[in-house]
Structures are given as structure tokens and as C-alpha cells.
Amino acid sequence: MLHIVLSAVQFISCAFIIGLVLIQRGKGADAGAGFGAGASGTVFGARGAGTALSRATAVLVAVFMVNSLALAYMGTKKAEAPKTIFDTAGETVPAASGPISFAVPGASADSGPAVISAPAAPAAAAGSAPK
């Protein structure tokens, strides 16, 4: 879940950084002002939008870098896989404490239900089960 949130923040900050860089004027834009493009800086005032857009870009770059480090750290952590039946195959199952009884319905109407008992832990015959 955290990986999805960090990836979304990474994508959004990347898109905003690209947008802010494209909005800003380059260093060579002042040379074009001498040839009739001087009115382009009047939207943001006499100084232009350099300070506000530069600060916003710097903040977004900082968010992008911290987020990149967090994603890189999460990528290096080993993910824990859930246990499967193959992982638990060698584990022993605790034995029952007493005999196990099963009622067989309808065995005999006059004597009541028949009960079959089995030992709690069956004894394994030597050499009967392959290992």
C-alpha cells in the first residue's frame, strides 16, 4: 500500500516539475526583449515569475528526491513471502490426547449407534513408509 502511495507522489511531483520548468523563462529570453518581445514579462510583474516559480520548483525537486530515496529503500528490503504447504511439510503435527471416536449412524436400531474407536497416534510400521 505504501509503495503505491509513494509511486503516485513520485508521478505527480514529476509531472509538476516538468510543467514548472516549461512555464519558466530561460536565460536567453532577455535577449529577445530587445527585438519586441519585452511584453512577455509583464504578466508576473517587473521581476517576472522567476522567484515564485523557482521556489516551487526547488520544493518539488526536494519532494521528488526524498521520495526517490524512499522508493529505493523499499525496493532493497526483502519481501516476506507467505508460507505455503511445501514450507510446512516437514513440521510435525501435535498428536491428539485421547482416542478418537466416530459414530456410525444407522448401524443397529435396537443397540444404538455404533462407535468406532481409533488410537490417538497410529504407530508407524518400520519400513512401511518411504522417506
Protein backbone atom coordinates (compact mmCIF):
# COMPACT_ATOMS: atom_id res chain seq x y z
CA MET A 1 0.00 0.00 0.00
CA LEU A 2 2.80 2.41 0.91
CA HIS A 3 4.60 1.58 -2.32
CA ILE A 4 1.52 2.59 -4.33
CA VAL A 5 1.19 5.90 -2.46
CA LEU A 6 4.88 6.72 -2.91
CA SER A 7 4.69 5.85 -6.61
CA ALA A 8 1.71 8.17 -7.03
CA VAL A 9 3.53 11.00 -5.24
CA GLN A 10 6.57 10.35 -7.47
CA PHE A 11 4.46 10.59 -10.63
CA ILE A 12 2.61 13.73 -9.54
CA SER A 13 5.77 15.55 -8.43
CA CYS A 14 7.48 14.60 -11.70
CA ALA A 15 4.58 15.97 -13.74
CA PHE A 16 4.54 19.24 -11.78
CA ILE A 17 8.31 19.67 -12.11
CA ILE A 18 8.04 19.24 -15.87
CA GLY A 19 5.19 21.76 -16.01
CA LEU A 20 7.03 24.34 -13.89
CA VAL A 21 10.21 24.04 -15.92
CA LEU A 22 8.27 24.52 -19.14
CA ILE A 23 6.49 27.63 -17.75
CA GLN A 24 9.70 29.39 -16.67
CA ARG A 25 11.60 31.68 -18.97
CA GLY A 26 15.10 30.70 -19.95
CA LYS A 27 18.22 32.83 -19.54
CA GLY A 28 18.16 33.74 -23.23
CA ALA A 29 14.66 35.24 -23.04
CA ASP A 30 16.07 38.65 -22.08
CA ALA A 31 17.90 38.86 -25.41
CA GLY A 32 14.58 38.58 -27.23
CA ALA A 33 13.19 41.56 -25.32
CA GLY A 34 15.29 43.91 -27.44
CA PHE A 35 13.52 42.74 -30.58
CA GLY A 36 9.95 43.39 -29.49
CA ALA A 37 9.25 40.57 -27.01
CA GLY A 38 9.52 42.79 -23.95
CA ALA A 39 5.84 42.46 -23.01
CA SER A 40 6.22 38.79 -22.09
CA GLY A 41 7.49 39.59 -18.59
CA THR A 42 4.63 41.92 -17.62
CA VAL A 43 2.27 39.11 -16.56
CA PHE A 44 4.20 38.37 -13.37
CA GLY A 45 5.44 41.91 -12.73
CA ALA A 46 8.73 43.70 -13.40
CA ARG A 47 10.91 40.91 -11.96
CA GLY A 48 8.92 38.18 -13.65
CA ALA A 49 7.89 34.89 -12.07
CA GLY A 50 11.46 33.74 -11.51
CA THR A 51 11.39 33.76 -7.73
CA ALA A 52 7.98 32.14 -7.17
CA LEU A 53 8.40 29.50 -9.85
CA SER A 54 12.00 28.84 -8.85
CA ARG A 55 10.98 28.26 -5.24
CA ALA A 56 8.11 25.99 -6.24
CA THR A 57 10.47 24.03 -8.49
CA ALA A 58 13.02 23.71 -5.70
CA VAL A 59 10.37 22.40 -3.26
CA LEU A 60 9.08 19.88 -5.78
CA VAL A 61 12.60 18.73 -6.59
CA ALA A 62 13.22 18.17 -2.87
CA VAL A 63 9.99 16.14 -2.60
CA PHE A 64 10.99 14.17 -5.69
CA MET A 65 14.46 13.36 -4.31
CA VAL A 66 13.22 12.29 -0.85
CA ASN A 67 10.51 10.19 -2.47
CA SER A 68 13.10 8.60 -4.79
CA LEU A 69 15.24 7.66 -1.79
CA ALA A 70 12.21 6.17 0.00
CA LEU A 71 11.26 4.11 -3.06
CA ALA A 72 14.86 2.92 -3.46
CA TYR A 73 14.97 1.87 0.21
CA MET A 74 11.68 0.00 -0.11
CA GLY A 75 12.98 -1.74 -3.23
CA THR A 76 16.02 -3.13 -1.39
CA LYS A 77 14.02 -4.62 1.50
CA LYS A 78 13.36 -8.34 1.16
CA ALA A 79 9.67 -9.09 0.82
CA GLU A 80 8.29 -11.80 3.07
CA ALA A 81 6.51 -14.50 1.11
CA PRO A 82 3.55 -16.20 2.77
CA LYS A 83 4.02 -19.78 3.98
CA THR A 84 2.85 -22.47 1.61
CA ILE A 85 2.02 -26.11 2.22
CA PHE A 86 5.50 -27.02 0.98
CA ASP A 87 7.10 -24.85 3.68
CA THR A 88 5.13 -26.63 6.43
CA ALA A 89 5.60 -30.17 5.06
CA GLY A 90 8.46 -31.01 7.43
CA GLU A 91 6.76 -29.68 10.55
CA THR A 92 5.18 -32.16 12.95
CA VAL A 93 1.53 -32.01 13.89
CA PRO A 94 0.75 -32.33 17.61
CA ALA A 95 -0.88 -35.66 18.48
CA ALA A 96 -4.38 -35.90 19.96
CA SER A 97 -4.52 -36.53 23.70
CA GLY A 98 -7.07 -39.37 23.71
CA PRO A 99 -8.76 -41.91 21.47
CA ILE A 100 -10.77 -40.62 18.56
CA SER A 101 -14.37 -41.89 18.31
CA PHE A 102 -16.65 -41.83 15.29
CA ALA A 103 -20.38 -42.56 15.48
CA VAL A 104 -21.77 -44.55 12.58
CA PRO A 105 -25.45 -43.63 12.12
CA GLY A 106 -27.99 -46.36 11.48
CA ALA A 107 -25.71 -49.31 12.31
CA SER A 108 -28.28 -51.03 14.51
CA ALA A 109 -31.68 -49.71 15.55
CA ASP A 110 -32.04 -51.71 18.82
CA SER A 111 -28.48 -51.37 20.17
CA GLY A 112 -28.00 -47.65 19.44
CA PRO A 113 -25.38 -46.06 17.21
CA ALA A 114 -22.16 -47.98 16.70
CA VAL A 115 -18.96 -46.29 17.86
CA ILE A 116 -15.61 -46.92 16.21
CA SER A 117 -12.53 -46.02 18.25
CA ALA A 118 -9.07 -45.37 16.87
CA PRO A 119 -5.80 -44.87 18.72
CA ALA A 120 -4.66 -41.29 19.28
CA ALA A 121 -1.41 -41.60 17.37
CA PRO A 122 -1.05 -44.54 14.96
CA ALA A 123 2.21 -46.39 15.30
CA ALA A 124 4.24 -46.34 12.10
CA ALA A 125 5.47 -49.71 10.94
CA ALA A 126 9.19 -49.93 10.35
CA GLY A 127 9.93 -49.58 6.64
CA SER A 128 6.29 -49.18 5.58
CA ALA A 129 6.56 -45.51 4.62
CA PRO A 130 9.26 -44.33 2.17
CA LYS A 131 11.40 -41.44 3.32
